Amino acid sequence: MKANSQVRRLVGMLRIFLISGTICLVVSLYLAWDAERFARTASAADGIVVSLKDERDVNTRPMFTPLIRFEDAAKKDWTVRYSWSSATPALRTGDHVRVLYHSEDPESARFDGPDGIDLLPRTLRVIGVSHLCIGLVMVIAYRSLHE
């Protein structure tokens, strides 16, 4: 009876890891495709970090979001928020970053930097592959319990 409940628990965990790993990989592939499509049709400009905006809540540690200024092809200045905030930002005031933007919507610019356009797809890919590997190990463990 105890072995039967262990097998059921193992099968449940196996499903969770295989499903979450698959979802992470599918989402990462979509985000990578979207980033590539955006980059292919976007204009590029040199941006400069003009400040770090403190975005902390009352009860949390400071989180800084870089504000980046760039000039579009029409020579108009834009200031946009960087995609990521962190307690220890990868960018500092005065740093240069490559800005990718569409001329019809420069405020939706994306950034090609250390935490730029492909960070989330890479992160989800790592999570997805690791969950699938854990699921594979669990499949092997499950089969060894049933032999």
Foldseek 3Di string as FASTA:
>chain_A
DVLVVVLVVLVVLLVVLLVLLVVLLVVLVVLVVVLVVQQVQWDKWKKFFAAWDFDDDPPDATKTWTWIWTADPVRDIDIETAPGIGNDDPDHGGDIWMWTAHPVCRRPIWTDDPCTSNNSSVVSNVSSVVSVVVSVVSVVVSVVSVD
